[in-house]
């Protein structure tokens, strides 16, 4: 909806417009995969216009492509992000969409897709995709199998996804993945896979699990305060690792909970005050406003958190009494 608002195809009230156009090819067929959190899954009865909290409203292809060109040229949008689903003609439709955009505009294009052959990765790069994302979603092989793999009745495997990331990185230079927190992992599970992926030159975008009515499982069985503390802890650990301030090997965990970031406290304080750790992570120019948040609780800030929001982040982490507030 935010994308349609920026493109002028819907009247949408926004305090922070998306800087990336979020696109998905519309089909009345459900995805042949069966990811248990997804509204599109073959076993889901959820509204197919949703992915997490985001609503995808069908719009005319030609109108979207032409307005993307204008929005990019005027600086309203800096990237287009295409989300795929698995159905009979997904490849032909996806290639058609990418070529349609590229004929009209030089806007950078990201594609979120499952593992493909090396030849198809090369074709995607050739026709204009500059950022490729293969979502793991789950933080461990066991959770992956339960949520979107064989045990979930899906076609995916952790091994093939990791292999796809490695092969794609040889072609694109750097690839991305999504990790969805709240599926049953703990701090240690999440921070460990972030560290491993980062060492393999994989960019990690964090999402918060959002239950969609009609999807095949509600995995969030914790209180909101423990959910947000887990999310903030992993956000900060990710930032410290990616920026080279900390290493997973120096961090300390107790029963899966991160209790020591392995760096001096002034480094932690500076990182929190800066706020970048808690902004939307992902491809360049992606701010993804309201993708999995509500106005009462923001997980990924679409712009630099203000002083009041920094105080809220400290409270989320249980640090308000230990760290001086702004």
Protein backbone atom coordinates (compact mmCIF):
# COMPACT_ATOMS: atom_id res chain seq x y z
CA UNK A 1 0.00 0.00 0.00
CA UNK A 2 2.85 2.38 0.79
CA UNK A 3 4.38 1.68 -2.61
CA UNK A 4 1.09 2.45 -4.34
CA UNK A 5 0.94 5.68 -2.36
CA UNK A 6 4.39 6.78 -3.52
CA UNK A 7 3.48 5.84 -7.10
CA UNK A 8 0.29 7.89 -6.87
CA UNK A 9 -1.95 4.89 -7.54
CA UNK A 10 -3.63 4.95 -4.12
CA UNK A 11 -4.30 7.69 -1.59
CA UNK A 12 -2.25 6.59 1.41
CA UNK A 13 -1.50 8.67 4.51
CA UNK A 14 2.13 8.09 5.55
CA UNK A 15 4.52 9.81 7.90
CA UNK A 16 7.43 7.79 6.44
CA UNK A 17 6.99 6.70 2.80
CA UNK A 18 8.86 3.62 1.57
CA UNK A 19 12.13 4.36 -0.23
CA UNK A 20 11.91 1.01 -2.04
CA UNK A 21 8.99 -0.15 -4.19
CA UNK A 22 7.75 -3.50 -2.87
CA UNK A 23 6.32 -5.67 -5.65
CA UNK A 24 4.87 -9.13 -5.98
CA UNK A 25 3.39 -10.74 -9.09
CA UNK A 26 -0.32 -11.28 -8.54
CA UNK A 27 -1.73 -14.75 -9.06
CA UNK A 28 -4.83 -16.44 -7.73
CA UNK A 29 -2.82 -19.63 -7.25
CA UNK A 30 -1.35 -20.32 -3.88
CA UNK A 31 2.37 -20.93 -3.60
CA UNK A 32 3.43 -24.57 -4.01
CA UNK A 33 5.67 -24.16 -0.98
CA UNK A 34 4.15 -24.47 2.48
CA UNK A 35 6.00 -22.08 4.78
CA UNK A 36 3.86 -22.18 7.90
CA UNK A 37 4.09 -18.45 8.61
CA UNK A 38 3.05 -17.35 5.12
CA UNK A 39 -0.36 -16.23 3.87
CA UNK A 40 0.55 -17.43 0.36
CA UNK A 41 1.33 -21.05 1.37
CA UNK A 42 -0.52 -23.95 -0.23
CA UNK A 43 -1.94 -25.05 3.13
CA UNK A 44 -2.94 -21.56 4.26
CA UNK A 45 -6.44 -20.15 4.31
CA UNK A 46 -5.24 -16.58 4.89
CA UNK A 47 -6.03 -13.60 2.70
CA UNK A 48 -3.62 -13.81 -0.24
CA UNK A 49 -3.21 -10.04 -0.45
CA UNK A 50 -1.06 -10.18 2.69
CA UNK A 51 2.56 -10.99 3.41
CA UNK A 52 3.11 -10.46 7.14
CA UNK A 53 1.36 -7.16 7.92
CA UNK A 54 2.02 -5.78 4.45
CA UNK A 55 -0.96 -5.66 2.11
CA UNK A 56 -0.30 -6.21 -1.60
CA UNK A 57 -3.09 -4.69 -3.70
CA UNK A 58 -3.33 -5.77 -7.37
CA UNK A 59 -2.43 -2.96 -9.76
CA UNK A 60 -1.91 -2.61 -13.51
CA UNK A 61 1.57 -3.72 -14.58
CA UNK A 62 2.09 -1.01 -17.20
CA UNK A 63 0.98 1.74 -14.83
CA UNK A 64 3.31 0.50 -12.09
CA UNK A 65 6.30 0.23 -14.45
CA UNK A 66 5.83 3.73 -15.90
CA UNK A 67 5.33 5.32 -12.49
CA UNK A 68 8.36 3.50 -11.14
CA UNK A 69 10.40 5.21 -13.85
CA UNK A 70 9.07 8.64 -12.84
CA UNK A 71 9.41 8.01 -9.10
CA UNK A 72 13.03 6.90 -9.52
CA UNK A 73 13.94 9.85 -11.73
CA UNK A 74 12.40 12.29 -9.23
CA UNK A 75 14.11 10.67 -6.24
CA UNK A 76 10.98 9.34 -4.55
CA UNK A 77 12.13 5.73 -4.83
CA UNK A 78 15.68 4.34 -4.91
CA UNK A 79 15.05 0.64 -5.51
CA UNK A 80 12.45 -1.93 -6.62
CA UNK A 81 12.15 -5.17 -4.64
CA UNK A 82 10.40 -8.17 -6.18
CA UNK A 83 9.10 -10.99 -3.97
CA UNK A 84 8.56 -14.33 -5.71
CA UNK A 85 6.17 -17.20 -5.01
CA UNK A 86 6.47 -20.75 -6.30
CA UNK A 87 3.88 -21.56 -8.97
CA UNK A 88 3.89 -23.06 -12.48
CA UNK A 89 4.93 -19.95 -14.45
CA UNK A 90 6.77 -18.00 -11.75
CA UNK A 91 10.07 -17.90 -13.70
CA UNK A 92 8.55 -16.60 -16.94
CA UNK A 93 6.46 -14.02 -15.07
CA UNK A 94 9.38 -12.84 -12.95
CA UNK A 95 11.70 -12.44 -15.95
CA UNK A 96 8.94 -10.57 -17.79
CA UNK A 97 8.48 -8.16 -14.87
CA UNK A 98 12.22 -7.52 -14.51
CA UNK A 99 12.63 -6.88 -18.24
CA UNK A 100 9.56 -4.61 -18.26
CA UNK A 101 11.05 -2.48 -15.49
CA UNK A 102 14.52 -2.46 -17.03
CA UNK A 103 13.23 -1.34 -20.45
CA UNK A 104 11.91 1.85 -18.87
CA UNK A 105 14.24 2.58 -15.98
CA UNK A 106 17.66 2.06 -14.44
CA UNK A 107 16.19 1.75 -10.94
CA UNK A 108 18.19 -0.87 -8.97
CA UNK A 109 16.28 -4.16 -8.63
CA UNK A 110 16.35 -6.66 -5.77
CA UNK A 111 14.85 -10.13 -6.10
CA UNK A 112 13.89 -12.36 -3.19
CA UNK A 113 13.81 -15.94 -4.43
CA UNK A 114 14.41 -19.58 -3.44
CA UNK A 115 17.57 -21.43 -4.58
CA UNK A 116 17.92 -21.67 -8.37
CA UNK A 117 20.36 -23.20 -10.83
CA UNK A 118 23.61 -21.33 -11.42
CA UNK A 119 22.43 -20.66 -15.00
CA UNK A 120 19.29 -18.91 -13.75
CA UNK A 121 21.29 -16.84 -11.27
CA UNK A 122 23.48 -15.72 -14.16
CA UNK A 123 20.40 -14.90 -16.27
CA UNK A 124 18.94 -12.76 -13.48
CA UNK A 125 22.15 -10.76 -13.20
CA UNK A 126 22.29 -10.36 -16.98
CA UNK A 127 18.76 -8.94 -17.23
CA UNK A 128 19.27 -6.39 -14.48
CA UNK A 129 18.97 -7.78 -10.95
CA UNK A 130 21.70 -6.23 -8.80
CA UNK A 131 20.74 -7.61 -5.36
CA UNK A 132 19.68 -11.23 -4.84
CA UNK A 133 18.12 -12.49 -1.61
CA UNK A 134 17.51 -16.12 -0.63
CA UNK A 135 15.52 -16.11 2.64
CA UNK A 136 16.44 -18.69 5.26
CA UNK A 137 13.82 -17.22 7.63
CA UNK A 138 14.58 -19.75 10.38
CA UNK A 139 17.82 -19.50 12.38
CA UNK A 140 18.61 -23.23 12.69
CA UNK A 141 18.34 -26.26 10.38
CA UNK A 142 15.84 -27.86 12.79
CA UNK A 143 13.52 -24.84 12.81
CA UNK A 144 13.89 -24.48 9.05
CA UNK A 145 12.69 -28.06 8.52
CA UNK A 146 9.77 -27.55 10.90
CA UNK A 147 8.68 -24.19 9.50
CA UNK A 148 9.33 -24.40 5.74
CA UNK A 149 11.09 -27.69 4.98
CA UNK A 150 10.10 -31.32 4.61
CA UNK A 151 8.36 -31.55 7.99
CA UNK A 152 6.17 -28.61 6.99
CA UNK A 153 5.23 -30.28 3.71
CA UNK A 154 7.42 -27.91 1.74
CA UNK A 155 10.02 -28.42 -1.01
CA UNK A 156 12.89 -26.57 0.66
CA UNK A 157 15.91 -27.73 2.64
CA UNK A 158 18.45 -25.86 4.74
CA UNK A 159 21.32 -27.47 2.83
CA UNK A 160 20.01 -26.33 -0.58
CA UNK A 161 19.33 -22.81 0.69
CA UNK A 162 22.86 -22.45 2.09
CA UNK A 163 24.29 -23.89 -1.13
CA UNK A 164 22.19 -21.43 -3.14
CA UNK A 165 23.53 -18.52 -1.10
CA UNK A 166 27.11 -19.61 -1.71
CA UNK A 167 26.64 -20.12 -5.45
CA UNK A 168 24.74 -16.85 -5.87
CA UNK A 169 27.45 -14.94 -4.02
CA UNK A 170 29.97 -16.06 -6.63
CA UNK A 171 27.82 -14.40 -9.30
CA UNK A 172 26.46 -11.32 -7.53
CA UNK A 173 29.47 -10.66 -5.32
CA UNK A 174 27.29 -10.40 -2.23
CA UNK A 175 23.89 -11.91 -1.51
CA UNK A 176 21.30 -11.35 1.17
CA UNK A 177 19.06 -13.45 3.35
CA UNK A 178 16.17 -12.85 5.74
CA UNK A 179 16.00 -14.12 9.30
CA UNK A 180 12.60 -14.02 10.96
CA UNK A 181 12.89 -13.77 14.73
CA UNK A 182 10.16 -15.25 16.89
CA UNK A 183 9.90 -18.73 15.34
CA UNK A 184 11.33 -20.51 18.39
CA UNK A 185 15.01 -19.58 18.25
CA UNK A 186 16.93 -18.07 21.16
CA UNK A 187 19.54 -15.29 21.24
CA UNK A 188 22.42 -17.70 20.74
CA UNK A 189 20.80 -19.43 17.74
CA UNK A 190 20.22 -16.09 16.00
CA UNK A 191 23.58 -14.48 16.75
CA UNK A 192 25.49 -17.63 15.80
CA UNK A 193 23.94 -17.89 12.33
CA UNK A 194 24.36 -14.13 11.80
CA UNK A 195 28.07 -14.49 12.56
CA UNK A 196 28.42 -17.49 10.23
CA UNK A 197 26.57 -15.81 7.38
CA UNK A 198 28.48 -12.57 7.77
CA UNK A 199 31.78 -14.43 7.45
CA UNK A 200 30.47 -15.85 4.15
CA UNK A 201 29.71 -12.32 2.87
CA UNK A 202 25.93 -12.69 3.28
CA UNK A 203 23.94 -9.60 4.24
CA UNK A 204 21.35 -10.39 6.92
CA UNK A 205 18.01 -8.61 7.10
CA UNK A 206 16.01 -9.07 10.29
CA UNK A 207 12.24 -9.44 10.40
CA UNK A 208 9.92 -9.96 13.34
CA UNK A 209 7.49 -12.87 13.03
CA UNK A 210 3.93 -11.63 12.61
CA UNK A 211 1.02 -14.03 12.93
CA UNK A 212 -1.45 -13.82 10.04
CA UNK A 213 -4.96 -15.18 10.70
CA UNK A 214 -5.46 -18.23 8.50
CA UNK A 215 -1.77 -19.12 8.30
CA UNK A 216 -0.66 -22.50 9.62
CA UNK A 217 0.78 -21.72 12.99
CA UNK A 218 1.12 -19.10 15.68
CA UNK A 219 4.70 -19.48 16.86
CA UNK A 220 4.72 -16.55 19.23
CA UNK A 221 4.06 -18.01 22.66
CA UNK A 222 6.07 -15.48 24.66
CA UNK A 223 5.08 -12.20 26.25
CA UNK A 224 5.51 -9.05 24.18
CA UNK A 225 8.23 -7.76 26.53
CA UNK A 226 10.37 -10.90 26.11
CA UNK A 227 9.79 -10.88 22.32
CA UNK A 228 10.98 -7.30 21.91
CA UNK A 229 13.96 -7.78 24.26
CA UNK A 230 15.07 -10.79 22.18
CA UNK A 231 14.66 -8.78 18.99
CA UNK A 232 16.57 -5.74 20.27
CA UNK A 233 19.37 -7.95 21.64
CA UNK A 234 19.84 -9.67 18.27
CA UNK A 235 19.63 -6.34 16.40
CA UNK A 236 22.42 -4.92 18.54
CA UNK A 237 24.56 -8.07 18.34
CA UNK A 238 24.16 -8.10 14.55
CA UNK A 239 25.26 -4.47 14.33
CA UNK A 240 28.31 -5.00 16.57
CA UNK A 241 29.39 -8.05 14.52
CA UNK A 242 28.84 -6.46 11.09
CA UNK A 243 30.64 -3.26 12.10
CA UNK A 244 33.58 -5.23 13.48
CA UNK A 245 33.12 -4.09 17.08
CA UNK A 246 32.42 -7.56 18.46
CA UNK A 247 32.76 -11.26 17.63
CA UNK A 248 30.42 -14.13 18.40
CA UNK A 249 33.31 -16.02 20.01
CA UNK A 250 33.70 -13.24 22.61
CA UNK A 251 30.00 -13.10 23.50
CA UNK A 252 28.64 -15.06 26.45
CA UNK A 253 25.31 -16.85 26.63
CA UNK A 254 23.42 -18.48 29.48
CA UNK A 255 20.62 -20.91 28.60
CA UNK A 256 20.47 -19.32 25.15
CA UNK A 257 20.20 -15.74 26.45
CA UNK A 258 22.94 -13.27 25.53
CA UNK A 259 24.36 -11.92 28.79
CA UNK A 260 27.63 -10.37 27.58
CA UNK A 261 28.22 -8.72 24.18
CA UNK A 262 31.97 -9.17 24.59
CA UNK A 263 32.74 -5.44 24.31
CA UNK A 264 33.12 -2.54 26.73
CA UNK A 265 29.95 -0.91 27.92
CA UNK A 266 30.74 2.46 26.33
CA UNK A 267 30.78 0.71 22.91
CA UNK A 268 27.31 -0.68 23.61
CA UNK A 269 26.05 2.69 24.80
CA UNK A 270 27.43 4.48 21.73
CA UNK A 271 25.84 1.92 19.41
CA UNK A 272 22.46 2.29 21.09
CA UNK A 273 22.61 6.08 21.06
CA UNK A 274 23.54 6.08 17.38
CA UNK A 275 20.38 4.07 16.63
CA UNK A 276 21.52 2.51 13.36
CA UNK A 277 21.39 -1.01 14.83
CA UNK A 278 17.62 -0.74 15.17
CA UNK A 279 16.81 0.64 11.73
CA UNK A 280 15.54 -1.55 8.90
CA UNK A 281 18.22 -3.94 7.64
CA UNK A 282 18.40 -5.37 4.15
CA UNK A 283 19.30 -4.20 0.66
CA UNK A 284 20.53 -0.63 0.10
CA UNK A 285 17.75 2.00 0.37
CA UNK A 286 15.26 -0.40 2.00
CA UNK A 287 13.33 1.14 4.90
CA UNK A 288 10.29 -1.22 4.79
CA UNK A 289 7.97 0.92 6.94
CA UNK A 290 5.24 -0.93 8.88
CA UNK A 291 6.10 -4.30 7.31
CA UNK A 292 5.85 -6.12 10.64
CA UNK A 293 5.17 -3.37 13.14
CA UNK A 294 2.28 -1.53 14.70
CA UNK A 295 2.26 2.09 15.80
CA UNK A 296 2.51 0.90 19.41
CA UNK A 297 5.66 -1.18 18.84
CA UNK A 298 8.25 -0.58 16.11
CA UNK A 299 10.68 -3.44 15.52
CA UNK A 300 12.59 -1.96 12.55
CA UNK A 301 12.71 1.82 12.49
CA UNK A 302 12.34 3.14 8.92
CA UNK A 303 14.48 6.17 9.78
CA UNK A 304 16.93 7.17 12.50
CA UNK A 305 15.25 6.75 15.91
CA UNK A 306 14.68 10.03 17.72
CA UNK A 307 15.64 10.65 21.36
CA UNK A 308 12.31 9.38 22.68
CA UNK A 309 12.60 6.22 20.60
CA UNK A 310 16.15 5.62 21.86
CA UNK A 311 14.81 5.73 25.42
CA UNK A 312 12.15 3.23 24.39
CA UNK A 313 14.82 0.94 22.89
CA UNK A 314 16.76 1.01 26.17
CA UNK A 315 13.59 0.07 28.02
CA UNK A 316 12.93 -2.75 25.56
CA UNK A 317 16.35 -4.16 26.37
CA UNK A 318 15.93 -3.75 30.11
CA UNK A 319 18.77 -1.26 30.19
CA UNK A 320 16.93 1.93 31.10
CA UNK A 321 18.15 1.77 34.71
CA UNK A 322 21.72 0.94 33.75
CA UNK A 323 22.35 3.33 30.85
CA UNK A 324 21.89 7.10 31.16
CA UNK A 325 18.91 8.21 29.12
CA UNK A 326 19.18 10.88 26.44
